[in-house]
Structures are given as C-alpha cells and as structure tokens.
Amino acid sequence: MPTDPVGRFLAALDPEHREAISAAPREEQERLAAAWERELEADTELDTLDELSPPAAEHEAARRVLEREDG
C-alpha cells in the first residue's frame, strides 16, 4: 500500500479515474491529493465511515474531490 499522499489518493480512486489522474502532471496530482486529505480530515461523516471501513472512507473522499473538480 502506498504511503505518500499521491499514491494513497490514486489507490482510493476507481480504476477509470486512477488512470486519468495518473496521466496528469505531478503538480495536479499533488493538489488533488492535498484536497483529498483535507476532505478526510474535515468531514465528520467520513470519520464514522473510517471507523467501519477506512478504504470506503478514502474512496468516498476521493469521489467528492473529483466531483467538485468536475462540477
């Protein structure tokens, strides 16, 4: 399992988004990974989900970050 923020963020994405984000410049990957980490830290609903399933919480946070980017 990756330990750097970008690697962890990429691992939390679904395969389609992982491929697209992997092709993005490193700066963009870092920016999205930082937003993902902030989402994980700030959302109390994700805290509860994290207690039940850390991968599910990470995936949900990644989905939210990408949704904001697309929206």
PDB file of N, CA and C in Angstrom:
ATOM      1  N   MET A   1       0.845  -1.180   0.000  1.00  0.00           N
ATOM      2  CA  MET A   1       0.000   0.000   0.000  1.00  0.00           C
ATOM      3  C   MET A   1       0.886   1.236   0.000  1.00  0.00           C
ATOM      4  N   PRO A   2       0.590   2.199  -0.869  1.00  0.00           N
ATOM      5  CA  PRO A   2       1.389   3.420  -0.939  1.00  0.00           C
ATOM      6  C   PRO A   2       1.303   4.218   0.366  1.00  0.00           C
ATOM      7  N   THR A   3       2.386   4.910   0.683  1.00  0.00           N
ATOM      8  CA  THR A   3       2.396   5.719   1.900  1.00  0.00           C
ATOM      9  C   THR A   3       2.411   7.213   1.609  1.00  0.00           C
ATOM     10  N   ASP A   4       2.802   7.611   0.397  1.00  0.00           N
ATOM     11  CA  ASP A   4       2.789   9.031   0.072  1.00  0.00           C
ATOM     12  C   ASP A   4       1.354   9.461  -0.257  1.00  0.00           C
ATOM     13  N   PRO A   5       1.021  10.741  -0.026  1.00  0.00           N
ATOM     14  CA  PRO A   5      -0.362  11.196  -0.247  1.00  0.00           C
ATOM     15  C   PRO A   5      -0.873  10.951  -1.670  1.00  0.00           C
ATOM     16  N   VAL A   6      -0.052  11.191  -2.662  1.00  0.00           N
ATOM     17  CA  VAL A   6      -0.499  10.991  -4.046  1.00  0.00           C
ATOM     18  C   VAL A   6      -0.781   9.513  -4.298  1.00  0.00           C
ATOM     19  N   GLY A   7       0.103   8.655  -3.851  1.00  0.00           N
ATOM     20  CA  GLY A   7      -0.105   7.218  -4.029  1.00  0.00           C
ATOM     21  C   GLY A   7      -1.350   6.725  -3.319  1.00  0.00           C
ATOM     22  N   ARG A   8      -1.576   7.213  -2.112  1.00  0.00           N
ATOM     23  CA  ARG A   8      -2.776   6.825  -1.360  1.00  0.00           C
ATOM     24  C   ARG A   8      -4.035   7.344  -2.053  1.00  0.00           C
ATOM     25  N   PHE A   9      -3.969   8.576  -2.570  1.00  0.00           N
ATOM     26  CA  PHE A   9      -5.111   9.142  -3.282  1.00  0.00           C
ATOM     27  C   PHE A   9      -5.415   8.320  -4.530  1.00  0.00           C
ATOM     28  N   LEU A  10      -4.375   8.008  -5.295  1.00  0.00           N
ATOM     29  CA  LEU A  10      -4.583   7.208  -6.508  1.00  0.00           C
ATOM     30  C   LEU A  10      -5.173   5.844  -6.164  1.00  0.00           C
ATOM     31  N   ALA A  11      -4.717   5.239  -5.077  1.00  0.00           N
ATOM     32  CA  ALA A  11      -5.239   3.933  -4.673  1.00  0.00           C
ATOM     33  C   ALA A  11      -6.709   4.009  -4.276  1.00  0.00           C
ATOM     34  N   ALA A  12      -7.153   5.167  -3.799  1.00  0.00           N
ATOM     35  CA  ALA A  12      -8.541   5.329  -3.366  1.00  0.00           C
ATOM     36  C   ALA A  12      -9.500   5.555  -4.535  1.00  0.00           C
ATOM     37  N   LEU A  13      -8.963   5.875  -5.700  1.00  0.00           N
ATOM     38  CA  LEU A  13      -9.801   6.150  -6.866  1.00  0.00           C
ATOM     39  C   LEU A  13     -10.263   4.862  -7.536  1.00  0.00           C
ATOM     40  N   ASP A  14     -11.372   4.967  -8.268  1.00  0.00           N
ATOM     41  CA  ASP A  14     -11.787   3.839  -9.093  1.00  0.00           C
ATOM     42  C   ASP A  14     -10.807   3.754 -10.273  1.00  0.00           C
ATOM     43  N   PRO A  15     -10.723   2.600 -10.915  1.00  0.00           N
ATOM     44  CA  PRO A  15      -9.707   2.408 -11.966  1.00  0.00           C
ATOM     45  C   PRO A  15      -9.743   3.445 -13.087  1.00  0.00           C
ATOM     46  N   GLU A  16     -10.918   3.852 -13.513  1.00  0.00           N
ATOM     47  CA  GLU A  16     -11.024   4.823 -14.612  1.00  0.00           C
ATOM     48  C   GLU A  16     -10.403   6.164 -14.216  1.00  0.00           C
ATOM     49  N   HIS A  17     -10.770   6.653 -13.033  1.00  0.00           N
ATOM     50  CA  HIS A  17     -10.219   7.928 -12.580  1.00  0.00           C
ATOM     51  C   HIS A  17      -8.737   7.808 -12.235  1.00  0.00           C
ATOM     52  N   ARG A  18      -8.337   6.672 -11.708  1.00  0.00           N
ATOM     53  CA  ARG A  18      -6.928   6.458 -11.369  1.00  0.00           C
ATOM     54  C   ARG A  18      -6.057   6.617 -12.610  1.00  0.00           C
ATOM     55  N   GLU A  19      -6.502   6.027 -13.709  1.00  0.00           N
ATOM     56  CA  GLU A  19      -5.740   6.117 -14.955  1.00  0.00           C
ATOM     57  C   GLU A  19      -5.646   7.564 -15.438  1.00  0.00           C
ATOM     58  N   ALA A  20      -6.762   8.285 -15.381  1.00  0.00           N
ATOM     59  CA  ALA A  20      -6.779   9.681 -15.841  1.00  0.00           C
ATOM     60  C   ALA A  20      -5.910  10.568 -14.959  1.00  0.00           C
ATOM     61  N   ILE A  21      -6.008  10.417 -13.655  1.00  0.00           N
ATOM     62  CA  ILE A  21      -5.234  11.254 -12.741  1.00  0.00           C
ATOM     63  C   ILE A  21      -3.755  10.878 -12.808  1.00  0.00           C
ATOM     64  N   SER A  22      -3.450   9.622 -13.016  1.00  0.00           N
ATOM     65  CA  SER A  22      -2.047   9.191 -13.147  1.00  0.00           C
ATOM     66  C   SER A  22      -1.381   9.860 -14.346  1.00  0.00           C
ATOM     67  N   ALA A  23      -2.167  10.173 -15.370  1.00  0.00           N
ATOM     68  CA  ALA A  23      -1.630  10.809 -16.568  1.00  0.00           C
ATOM     69  C   ALA A  23      -1.487  12.325 -16.411  1.00  0.00           C
ATOM     70  N   ALA A  24      -2.061  12.891 -15.366  1.00  0.00           N
ATOM     71  CA  ALA A  24      -1.991  14.331 -15.127  1.00  0.00           C
ATOM     72  C   ALA A  24      -0.601  14.712 -14.618  1.00  0.00           C
ATOM     73  N   PRO A  25      -0.241  15.985 -14.759  1.00  0.00           N
ATOM     74  CA  PRO A  25       1.056  16.433 -14.220  1.00  0.00           C
ATOM     75  C   PRO A  25       1.141  16.196 -12.713  1.00  0.00           C
ATOM     76  N   ARG A  26       2.337  15.986 -12.221  1.00  0.00           N
ATOM     77  CA  ARG A  26       2.555  15.706 -10.796  1.00  0.00           C
ATOM     78  C   ARG A  26       1.977  16.803  -9.904  1.00  0.00           C
ATOM     79  N   GLU A  27       2.075  18.058 -10.324  1.00  0.00           N
ATOM     80  CA  GLU A  27       1.542  19.165  -9.530  1.00  0.00           C
ATOM     81  C   GLU A  27       0.028  19.034  -9.342  1.00  0.00           C
ATOM     82  N   GLU A  28      -0.657  18.618 -10.396  1.00  0.00           N
ATOM     83  CA  GLU A  28      -2.105  18.421 -10.327  1.00  0.00           C
ATOM     84  C   GLU A  28      -2.429  17.255  -9.401  1.00  0.00           C
ATOM     85  N   GLN A  29      -1.672  16.183  -9.499  1.00  0.00           N
ATOM     86  CA  GLN A  29      -1.868  15.034  -8.622  1.00  0.00           C
ATOM     87  C   GLN A  29      -1.684  15.446  -7.158  1.00  0.00           C
ATOM     88  N   GLU A  30      -0.650  16.246  -6.881  1.00  0.00           N
ATOM     89  CA  GLU A  30      -0.387  16.702  -5.516  1.00  0.00           C
ATOM     90  C   GLU A  30      -1.503  17.603  -5.009  1.00  0.00           C
ATOM     91  N   ARG A  31      -2.013  18.469  -5.885  1.00  0.00           N
ATOM     92  CA  ARG A  31      -3.105  19.365  -5.499  1.00  0.00           C
ATOM     93  C   ARG A  31      -4.359  18.570  -5.144  1.00  0.00           C
ATOM     94  N   LEU A  32      -4.685  17.592  -5.957  1.00  0.00           N
ATOM     95  CA  LEU A  32      -5.857  16.765  -5.689  1.00  0.00           C
ATOM     96  C   LEU A  32      -5.661  15.904  -4.440  1.00  0.00           C
ATOM     97  N   ALA A  33      -4.463  15.387  -4.251  1.00  0.00           N
ATOM     98  CA  ALA A  33      -4.187  14.581  -3.057  1.00  0.00           C
ATOM     99  C   ALA A  33      -4.312  15.436  -1.795  1.00  0.00           C
ATOM    100  N   ALA A  34      -3.864  16.679  -1.854  1.00  0.00           N
ATOM    101  CA  ALA A  34      -3.994  17.573  -0.697  1.00  0.00           C
ATOM    102  C   ALA A  34      -5.467  17.859  -0.414  1.00  0.00           C
ATOM    103  N   ALA A  35      -6.260  18.080  -1.458  1.00  0.00           N
ATOM    104  CA  ALA A  35      -7.702  18.300  -1.273  1.00  0.00           C
ATOM    105  C   ALA A  35      -8.352  17.055  -0.683  1.00  0.00           C
ATOM    106  N   TRP A  36      -7.914  15.894  -1.111  1.00  0.00           N
ATOM    107  CA  TRP A  36      -8.433  14.629  -0.604  1.00  0.00           C
ATOM    108  C   TRP A  36      -8.120  14.477   0.878  1.00  0.00           C
ATOM    109  N   GLU A  37      -6.895  14.789   1.264  1.00  0.00           N
ATOM    110  CA  GLU A  37      -6.527  14.703   2.681  1.00  0.00           C
ATOM    111  C   GLU A  37      -7.347  15.677   3.527  1.00  0.00           C
ATOM    112  N   ARG A  38      -7.570  16.887   3.008  1.00  0.00           N
ATOM    113  CA  ARG A  38      -8.408  17.859   3.739  1.00  0.00           C
ATOM    114  C   ARG A  38      -9.829  17.337   3.886  1.00  0.00           C
ATOM    115  N   GLU A  39     -10.344  16.706   2.843  1.00  0.00           N
ATOM    116  CA  GLU A  39     -11.698  16.140   2.891  1.00  0.00           C
ATOM    117  C   GLU A  39     -11.779  15.052   3.955  1.00  0.00           C
ATOM    118  N   LEU A  40     -10.783  14.204   4.017  1.00  0.00           N
ATOM    119  CA  LEU A  40     -10.764  13.139   5.024  1.00  0.00           C
ATOM    120  C   LEU A  40     -10.704  13.713   6.438  1.00  0.00           C
ATOM    121  N   GLU A  41      -9.940  14.773   6.618  1.00  0.00           N
ATOM    122  CA  GLU A  41      -9.780  15.367   7.946  1.00  0.00           C
ATOM    123  C   GLU A  41     -11.004  16.158   8.389  1.00  0.00           C
ATOM    124  N   ALA A  42     -11.678  16.812   7.459  1.00  0.00           N
ATOM    125  CA  ALA A  42     -12.716  17.774   7.813  1.00  0.00           C
ATOM    126  C   ALA A  42     -14.117  17.182   7.944  1.00  0.00           C
ATOM    127  N   ASP A  43     -14.413  16.116   7.252  1.00  0.00           N
ATOM    128  CA  ASP A  43     -15.783  15.610   7.203  1.00  0.00           C
ATOM    129  C   ASP A  43     -16.039  14.601   8.310  1.00  0.00           C
ATOM    130  N   THR A  44     -16.952  14.930   9.206  1.00  0.00           N
ATOM    131  CA  THR A  44     -17.246  14.043  10.337  1.00  0.00           C
ATOM    132  C   THR A  44     -17.960  12.771   9.893  1.00  0.00           C
ATOM    133  N   GLU A  45     -18.721  12.817   8.823  1.00  0.00           N
ATOM    134  CA  GLU A  45     -19.353  11.600   8.309  1.00  0.00           C
ATOM    135  C   GLU A  45     -18.295  10.597   7.874  1.00  0.00           C
ATOM    136  N   LEU A  46     -17.218  11.094   7.282  1.00  0.00           N
ATOM    137  CA  LEU A  46     -16.146  10.201   6.862  1.00  0.00           C
ATOM    138  C   LEU A  46     -15.423   9.612   8.065  1.00  0.00           C
ATOM    139  N   ASP A  47     -15.380  10.356   9.175  1.00  0.00           N
ATOM    140  CA  ASP A  47     -14.774   9.811  10.395  1.00  0.00           C
ATOM    141  C   ASP A  47     -15.497   8.541  10.825  1.00  0.00           C
ATOM    142  N   THR A  48     -16.814   8.585  10.796  1.00  0.00           N
ATOM    143  CA  THR A  48     -17.610   7.410  11.173  1.00  0.00           C
ATOM    144  C   THR A  48     -17.379   6.275  10.185  1.00  0.00           C
ATOM    145  N   LEU A  49     -17.400   6.597   8.896  1.00  0.00           N
ATOM    146  CA  LEU A  49     -17.168   5.585   7.876  1.00  0.00           C
ATOM    147  C   LEU A  49     -15.758   5.014   8.008  1.00  0.00           C
ATOM    148  N   ASP A  50     -14.798   5.865   8.352  1.00  0.00           N
ATOM    149  CA  ASP A  50     -13.414   5.428   8.512  1.00  0.00           C
ATOM    150  C   ASP A  50     -13.287   4.382   9.623  1.00  0.00           C
ATOM    151  N   GLU A  51     -14.081   4.547  10.663  1.00  0.00           N
ATOM    152  CA  GLU A  51     -14.058   3.566  11.748  1.00  0.00           C
ATOM    153  C   GLU A  51     -14.576   2.207  11.276  1.00  0.00           C
ATOM    154  N   LEU A  52     -15.534   2.229  10.368  1.00  0.00           N
ATOM    155  CA  LEU A  52     -16.119   0.991   9.857  1.00  0.00           C
ATOM    156  C   LEU A  52     -15.288   0.397   8.716  1.00  0.00           C
ATOM    157  N   SER A  53     -14.829   1.258   7.827  1.00  0.00           N
ATOM    158  CA  SER A  53     -14.081   0.797   6.659  1.00  0.00           C
ATOM    159  C   SER A  53     -13.181   1.922   6.144  1.00  0.00           C
ATOM    160  N   PRO A  54     -11.931   1.951   6.560  1.00  0.00           N
ATOM    161  CA  PRO A  54     -11.030   3.007   6.077  1.00  0.00           C
ATOM    162  C   PRO A  54     -10.957   3.113   4.545  1.00  0.00           C
ATOM    163  N   PRO A  55     -10.884   1.996   3.793  1.00  0.00           N
ATOM    164  CA  PRO A  55     -10.848   2.137   2.333  1.00  0.00           C
ATOM    165  C   PRO A  55     -12.111   2.787   1.772  1.00  0.00           C
ATOM    166  N   ALA A  56     -13.262   2.487   2.350  1.00  0.00           N
ATOM    167  CA  ALA A  56     -14.508   3.090   1.873  1.00  0.00           C
ATOM    168  C   ALA A  56     -14.511   4.593   2.125  1.00  0.00           C
ATOM    169  N   ALA A  57     -14.002   5.012   3.274  1.00  0.00           N
ATOM    170  CA  ALA A  57     -13.932   6.444   3.583  1.00  0.00           C
ATOM    171  C   ALA A  57     -12.981   7.138   2.620  1.00  0.00           C
ATOM    172  N   GLU A  58     -11.848   6.524   2.335  1.00  0.00           N
ATOM    173  CA  GLU A  58     -10.893   7.117   1.408  1.00  0.00           C
ATOM    174  C   GLU A  58     -11.474   7.205   0.006  1.00  0.00           C
ATOM    175  N   HIS A  59     -12.178   6.173  -0.415  1.00  0.00           N
ATOM    176  CA  HIS A  59     -12.802   6.186  -1.741  1.00  0.00           C
ATOM    177  C   HIS A  59     -13.872   7.279  -1.815  1.00  0.00           C
ATOM    178  N   GLU A  60     -14.697   7.408  -0.788  1.00  0.00           N
ATOM    179  CA  GLU A  60     -15.746   8.425  -0.783  1.00  0.00           C
ATOM    180  C   GLU A  60     -15.141   9.828  -0.815  1.00  0.00           C
ATOM    181  N   ALA A  61     -14.081  10.054  -0.069  1.00  0.00           N
ATOM    182  CA  ALA A  61     -13.423  11.364  -0.079  1.00  0.00           C
ATOM    183  C   ALA A  61     -12.855  11.663  -1.468  1.00  0.00           C
ATOM    184  N   ALA A  62     -12.256  10.663  -2.104  1.00  0.00           N
ATOM    185  CA  ALA A  62     -11.719  10.846  -3.453  1.00  0.00           C
ATOM    186  C   ALA A  62     -12.835  11.165  -4.436  1.00  0.00           C
ATOM    187  N   ARG A  63     -13.952  10.458  -4.313  1.00  0.00           N
ATOM    188  CA  ARG A  63     -15.091  10.724  -5.201  1.00  0.00           C
ATOM    189  C   ARG A  63     -15.569  12.160  -5.039  1.00  0.00           C
ATOM    190  N   ARG A  64     -15.655  12.624  -3.805  1.00  0.00           N
ATOM    191  CA  ARG A  64     -16.115  14.002  -3.536  1.00  0.00           C
ATOM    192  C   ARG A  64     -15.169  15.038  -4.132  1.00  0.00           C
ATOM    193  N   VAL A  65     -13.875  14.808  -3.985  1.00  0.00           N
ATOM    194  CA  VAL A  65     -12.900  15.755  -4.528  1.00  0.00           C
ATOM    195  C   VAL A  65     -13.043  15.840  -6.048  1.00  0.00           C
ATOM    196  N   LEU A  66     -13.138  14.695  -6.705  1.00  0.00           N
ATOM    197  CA  LEU A  66     -13.267  14.700  -8.170  1.00  0.00           C
ATOM    198  C   LEU A  66     -14.606  15.290  -8.607  1.00  0.00           C
ATOM    199  N   GLU A  67     -15.640  15.070  -7.834  1.00  0.00           N
ATOM    200  CA  GLU A  67     -16.951  15.637  -8.154  1.00  0.00           C
ATOM    201  C   GLU A  67     -16.888  17.165  -8.107  1.00  0.00           C
ATOM    202  N   ARG A  68     -16.209  17.708  -7.117  1.00  0.00           N
ATOM    203  CA  ARG A  68     -16.049  19.172  -7.028  1.00  0.00           C
ATOM    204  C   ARG A  68     -15.230  19.697  -8.195  1.00  0.00           C
ATOM    205  N   GLU A  69     -14.227  18.941  -8.613  1.00  0.00           N
ATOM    206  CA  GLU A  69     -13.397  19.356  -9.738  1.00  0.00           C
ATOM    207  C   GLU A  69     -14.202  19.399 -11.028  1.00  0.00           C
ATOM    208  N   ASP A  70     -15.077  18.423 -11.203  1.00  0.00           N
ATOM    209  CA  ASP A  70     -15.877  18.341 -12.415  1.00  0.00           C
ATOM    210  C   ASP A  70     -17.064  19.298 -12.398  1.00  0.00           C
ATOM    211  N   GLY A  71     -17.512  19.637 -11.189  1.00  0.00           N
ATOM    212  CA  GLY A  71     -18.713  20.450 -11.033  1.00  0.00           C
ATOM    213  C   GLY A  71     -18.452  21.886 -11.170  1.00  0.00           C
TER     214      GLY A  71
END
